[in-house]
Protein backbone atom coordinates (compact mmCIF):
# COMPACT_ATOMS: atom_id res chain seq x y z
CA UNK A 1 -114.39 152.16 -120.21
CA UNK A 2 -114.03 148.64 -118.83
CA UNK A 3 -117.56 148.85 -117.47
CA UNK A 4 -118.91 149.80 -120.89
CA UNK A 5 -117.09 146.88 -122.54
CA UNK A 6 -118.53 144.55 -119.92
CA UNK A 7 -122.03 145.97 -120.39
CA UNK A 8 -121.89 145.66 -124.18
CA UNK A 9 -120.51 142.13 -123.97
CA UNK A 10 -123.23 141.14 -121.52
CA UNK A 11 -125.88 142.58 -123.82
CA UNK A 12 -124.44 140.73 -126.81
CA UNK A 13 -124.36 137.45 -124.85
CA UNK A 14 -127.85 137.81 -123.39
CA UNK A 15 -129.68 136.16 -126.30
CA UNK A 16 -127.43 133.09 -126.28
CA UNK A 17 -127.58 132.80 -122.51
CA UNK A 18 -131.36 132.96 -122.46
CA UNK A 19 -131.54 130.52 -125.38
CA UNK A 20 -129.35 127.97 -123.55
CA UNK A 21 -131.48 128.34 -120.42
CA UNK A 22 -134.66 127.94 -122.44
CA UNK A 23 -133.44 124.81 -124.23
CA UNK A 24 -132.54 123.08 -120.97
CA UNK A 25 -135.66 124.16 -119.10
CA UNK A 26 -137.93 123.14 -121.98
CA UNK A 27 -136.25 119.75 -122.14
CA UNK A 28 -136.69 119.36 -118.38
CA UNK A 29 -140.30 120.49 -118.69
CA UNK A 30 -140.95 117.83 -121.32
CA UNK A 31 -138.88 114.99 -119.85
CA UNK A 32 -139.87 115.14 -116.19
CA UNK A 33 -143.65 114.79 -116.71
CA UNK A 34 -142.93 111.84 -119.01
CA UNK A 35 -140.76 110.21 -116.36
CA UNK A 36 -143.44 110.87 -113.74
CA UNK A 37 -146.01 109.15 -115.93
CA UNK A 38 -144.00 106.36 -117.53
CA UNK A 39 -140.92 106.14 -115.31
CA UNK A 40 -141.31 102.47 -114.39
CA UNK A 41 -141.53 101.55 -118.06
CA UNK A 42 -138.38 103.52 -118.85
CA UNK A 43 -136.56 101.75 -116.04
CA UNK A 44 -137.50 98.39 -117.46
CA UNK A 45 -136.41 99.47 -120.92
CA UNK A 46 -133.03 100.55 -119.61
CA UNK A 47 -132.51 97.23 -117.87
CA UNK A 48 -132.92 95.50 -121.23
CA UNK A 49 -130.37 97.73 -122.99
CA UNK A 50 -126.92 96.32 -123.78
CA UNK A 51 -124.19 97.65 -121.49
CA UNK A 52 -122.46 99.67 -124.20
CA UNK A 53 -125.69 101.65 -124.74
CA UNK A 54 -126.60 101.92 -121.07
CA UNK A 55 -123.35 103.71 -120.23
CA UNK A 56 -124.26 106.53 -122.61
CA UNK A 57 -127.33 107.38 -120.56
CA UNK A 58 -125.76 106.86 -117.16
CA UNK A 59 -126.88 105.02 -114.06
CA UNK A 60 -130.50 105.49 -112.98
CA UNK A 61 -130.11 103.51 -109.73
CA UNK A 62 -133.51 101.95 -110.36
CA UNK A 63 -135.61 105.01 -109.48
CA UNK A 64 -137.55 107.70 -111.33
CA UNK A 65 -135.51 110.37 -109.53
CA UNK A 66 -132.39 108.61 -110.81
CA UNK A 67 -133.80 108.78 -114.32
CA UNK A 68 -134.24 112.54 -113.96
CA UNK A 69 -130.68 113.03 -112.73
CA UNK A 70 -129.33 110.71 -115.40
CA UNK A 71 -131.19 112.46 -118.22
CA UNK A 72 -130.33 116.00 -117.22
CA UNK A 73 -126.78 115.64 -115.89
CA UNK A 74 -125.22 112.82 -117.90
CA UNK A 75 -125.66 114.08 -121.44
CA UNK A 76 -128.22 116.85 -122.05
CA UNK A 77 -126.98 119.60 -119.74
CA UNK A 78 -123.26 118.94 -120.36
CA UNK A 79 -123.86 119.08 -124.11
CA UNK A 80 -125.68 122.42 -124.03
CA UNK A 81 -123.32 123.96 -121.45
CA UNK A 82 -120.19 122.91 -123.31
CA UNK A 83 -121.45 124.23 -126.64
CA UNK A 84 -122.26 127.53 -124.94
CA UNK A 85 -119.00 127.77 -122.98
CA UNK A 86 -116.76 126.85 -125.92
CA UNK A 87 -118.51 129.29 -128.25
CA UNK A 88 -118.35 132.07 -125.67
CA UNK A 89 -114.69 131.32 -124.97
CA UNK A 90 -113.66 131.66 -128.59
CA UNK A 91 -115.78 134.78 -128.97
CA UNK A 92 -114.17 136.39 -125.93
CA UNK A 93 -110.69 135.78 -127.35
CA UNK A 94 -111.08 136.72 -131.02
CA UNK A 95 -114.65 137.89 -131.59
CA UNK A 96 -113.77 141.58 -131.88
CA UNK A 97 -110.87 140.79 -134.23
CA UNK A 98 -112.97 138.67 -136.55
CA UNK A 99 -115.79 141.22 -136.52
CA UNK A 100 -113.34 143.98 -137.46
CA UNK A 101 -114.26 146.10 -134.42
CA UNK A 102 -111.10 145.65 -132.34
CA UNK A 103 -109.31 148.73 -133.68
CA UNK A 104 -112.22 150.96 -132.69
CA UNK A 105 -112.35 149.38 -129.26
CA UNK A 106 -108.62 149.71 -128.59
CA UNK A 107 -108.68 153.36 -129.70
CA UNK A 108 -110.15 153.98 -126.24
CA UNK A 109 -107.98 153.97 -123.10
CA UNK A 110 -108.27 150.25 -122.43
CA UNK A 111 -105.78 147.41 -122.87
CA UNK A 112 -106.34 144.22 -124.79
CA UNK A 113 -106.02 142.30 -121.52
CA UNK A 114 -108.84 144.25 -119.93
CA UNK A 115 -111.04 143.63 -122.96
CA UNK A 116 -110.37 139.91 -122.65
CA UNK A 117 -111.07 140.01 -118.92
CA UNK A 118 -114.42 141.73 -119.41
CA UNK A 119 -115.54 139.32 -122.12
CA UNK A 120 -114.31 136.21 -120.31
CA UNK A 121 -116.11 137.35 -117.15
CA UNK A 122 -119.34 137.69 -119.11
CA UNK A 123 -118.89 134.15 -120.45
CA UNK A 124 -118.23 132.79 -116.97
CA UNK A 125 -121.26 134.56 -115.52
CA UNK A 126 -123.39 133.18 -118.36
CA UNK A 127 -122.30 129.63 -117.54
CA UNK A 128 -123.11 130.14 -113.86
CA UNK A 129 -126.52 131.65 -114.61
CA UNK A 130 -127.46 128.76 -116.88
CA UNK A 131 -126.37 126.19 -114.31
CA UNK A 132 -128.34 127.89 -111.53
CA UNK A 133 -131.42 128.07 -113.78
CA UNK A 134 -131.15 124.36 -114.57
CA UNK A 135 -130.66 123.39 -110.92
CA UNK A 136 -133.64 125.42 -109.73
CA UNK A 137 -135.74 124.48 -112.75
CA UNK A 138 -135.28 120.75 -112.24
CA UNK A 139 -136.19 120.96 -108.57
CA UNK A 140 -139.27 123.10 -109.24
CA UNK A 141 -140.54 120.95 -112.12
CA UNK A 142 -139.89 117.75 -110.15
CA UNK A 143 -142.03 119.12 -107.30
CA UNK A 144 -144.80 120.07 -109.73
CA UNK A 145 -145.00 116.57 -111.22
CA UNK A 146 -144.57 114.85 -107.83
CA UNK A 147 -141.14 113.31 -108.41
CA UNK A 148 -139.30 112.88 -105.12
CA UNK A 149 -135.69 113.88 -105.83
CA UNK A 150 -134.42 112.63 -102.47
CA UNK A 151 -131.09 110.93 -102.97
CA UNK A 152 -130.24 113.08 -106.02
CA UNK A 153 -127.88 115.92 -105.09
CA UNK A 154 -128.69 118.21 -108.01
CA UNK A 155 -126.83 121.12 -106.41
CA UNK A 156 -123.57 119.16 -106.21
CA UNK A 157 -124.02 117.93 -109.77
CA UNK A 158 -124.64 121.51 -110.90
CA UNK A 159 -121.44 122.69 -109.21
CA UNK A 160 -119.38 120.05 -111.01
CA UNK A 161 -121.20 120.79 -114.28
CA UNK A 162 -120.25 124.46 -114.00
CA UNK A 163 -116.61 123.51 -113.40
CA UNK A 164 -116.65 121.23 -116.47
CA UNK A 165 -118.09 123.97 -118.68
CA UNK A 166 -115.58 126.53 -117.39
CA UNK A 167 -112.73 124.09 -118.04
CA UNK A 168 -113.58 123.55 -121.69
CA UNK A 169 -114.58 127.18 -122.17
CA UNK A 170 -111.16 128.22 -120.84
CA UNK A 171 -109.49 125.75 -123.21
CA UNK A 172 -111.30 127.36 -126.15
CA UNK A 173 -110.37 130.80 -124.83
CA UNK A 174 -106.67 129.91 -124.51
CA UNK A 175 -106.36 128.23 -127.91
CA UNK A 176 -108.13 131.10 -129.66
CA UNK A 177 -106.09 133.72 -127.80
CA UNK A 178 -102.79 132.06 -128.76
CA UNK A 179 -103.68 131.34 -132.40
CA UNK A 180 -106.07 134.17 -133.24
CA UNK A 181 -108.42 131.61 -134.77
CA UNK A 182 -111.94 130.89 -133.58
CA UNK A 183 -112.00 127.77 -135.76
CA UNK A 184 -109.01 126.34 -133.92
CA UNK A 185 -110.46 127.27 -130.56
CA UNK A 186 -113.78 125.63 -131.37
CA UNK A 187 -112.10 122.62 -132.97
CA UNK A 188 -109.55 121.86 -130.26
CA UNK A 189 -111.98 122.36 -127.37
CA UNK A 190 -114.83 120.56 -129.12
CA UNK A 191 -112.76 117.56 -130.18
CA UNK A 192 -111.16 117.33 -126.75
CA UNK A 193 -114.60 117.34 -125.13
CA UNK A 194 -115.94 114.62 -127.44
CA UNK A 195 -112.86 112.41 -127.17
CA UNK A 196 -112.72 112.75 -123.38
CA UNK A 197 -116.44 111.95 -123.09
CA UNK A 198 -116.12 108.86 -125.29
CA UNK A 199 -113.00 107.73 -123.44
CA UNK A 200 -114.57 108.17 -120.03
CA UNK A 201 -117.85 106.54 -121.09
CA UNK A 202 -116.80 103.51 -123.12
CA UNK A 203 -113.24 102.64 -122.17
CA UNK A 204 -114.23 101.39 -118.68
CA UNK A 205 -116.30 98.66 -120.36
CA UNK A 206 -112.96 97.04 -121.21
CA UNK A 207 -111.38 96.20 -117.86
CA UNK A 208 -107.81 96.70 -119.10
CA UNK A 209 -108.64 100.23 -120.29
CA UNK A 210 -110.41 101.44 -117.15
CA UNK A 211 -107.27 103.14 -115.81
CA UNK A 212 -106.81 104.99 -119.11
CA UNK A 213 -110.35 106.36 -118.84
CA UNK A 214 -109.49 107.98 -115.52
CA UNK A 215 -107.02 110.24 -117.32
CA UNK A 216 -109.82 111.82 -119.35
CA UNK A 217 -110.76 115.41 -118.45
CA UNK A 218 -114.36 114.19 -118.34
CA UNK A 219 -113.40 112.13 -115.30
CA UNK A 220 -113.25 115.39 -113.34
CA UNK A 221 -117.02 115.59 -113.84
CA UNK A 222 -118.26 112.01 -114.15
CA UNK A 223 -115.81 110.59 -111.62
CA UNK A 224 -117.25 112.75 -108.86
CA UNK A 225 -120.61 110.94 -109.11
CA UNK A 226 -121.97 114.11 -107.56
CA UNK A 227 -125.63 113.19 -107.90
CA UNK A 228 -125.21 110.39 -105.39
CA UNK A 229 -122.06 111.34 -103.49
CA UNK A 230 -122.15 115.13 -103.37
CA UNK A 231 -119.27 117.44 -104.21
CA UNK A 232 -115.88 115.82 -104.64
CA UNK A 233 -113.49 118.51 -103.33
CA UNK A 234 -110.40 117.06 -105.02
CA UNK A 235 -111.87 116.64 -108.50
CA UNK A 236 -113.60 120.02 -108.25
CA UNK A 237 -110.35 121.71 -107.20
CA UNK A 238 -108.45 120.10 -110.09
CA UNK A 239 -111.08 121.22 -112.61
CA UNK A 240 -111.13 124.79 -111.28
CA UNK A 241 -107.33 124.97 -111.12
CA UNK A 242 -107.02 123.69 -114.71
CA UNK A 243 -109.58 126.23 -115.88
CA UNK A 244 -107.72 128.98 -114.03
CA UNK A 245 -104.40 127.96 -115.58
CA UNK A 246 -105.91 128.00 -119.08
CA UNK A 247 -107.52 131.37 -118.34
CA UNK A 248 -104.15 132.80 -117.31
CA UNK A 249 -102.51 131.27 -120.40
CA UNK A 250 -104.98 133.08 -122.62
CA UNK A 251 -103.65 136.45 -121.42
CA UNK A 252 -100.08 135.38 -122.19
CA UNK A 253 -101.10 134.25 -125.67
CA UNK A 254 -103.01 137.44 -126.37
CA UNK A 255 -100.09 139.67 -125.34
CA UNK A 256 -97.50 137.82 -127.43
CA UNK A 257 -99.61 137.74 -130.59
CA UNK A 258 -99.96 140.48 -133.20
CA UNK A 259 -103.63 141.41 -133.27
CA UNK A 260 -105.60 141.87 -136.49
CA UNK A 261 -106.82 145.45 -136.22
């Protein structure tokens, strides 16, 4: 029965997974040829930007390859991945309840915890598939348009991106599982993601607030500087451990709550 729940959940998630992949790959397919053609002009434009605006886009390190990494891993990919992960997390926790299909599902010999496990596993696999597609897609498209990505560790950045998405997806999962509300799961995880991004991006501009910015969950991703420095084992371990703790908390919340069946 668990296998059938997993299969149905995977089928239901397929459209959204493919859509997220397509959005990111299309954006890469549009952006990278533009950078290959007009990269030097973009670099000059960025140099003329005020600091508060430059930090939104990230650090290009004065190269076209840096522009590619900046564009895909500073804002675009995190945005799409977090929307996907948060939506999938809330759906895994309360989707069957809100659709009115939970009673039929639990009439079979399967526990609520196993249902949650199957659906959360599908969400996690979707995140990993999207990240792998983006990593491979960027490298392939860069080769096609003759952009030398040497010095840009897209694999390391992809690993940290996956951990970030799983962290916020697990937060949405836990909040929804404890409250029985997809709106709360979406709201808490979404607001936390936005606030932590803003804090990590703009607070360091003010020297006295730089230490506060390091407390932001987004620091686990941005602080690694994985594109230039590779995987940061400590920050990656913290992100994965936090995601695991939230994942475990979701089972506790689900078991203590009366389900709407």
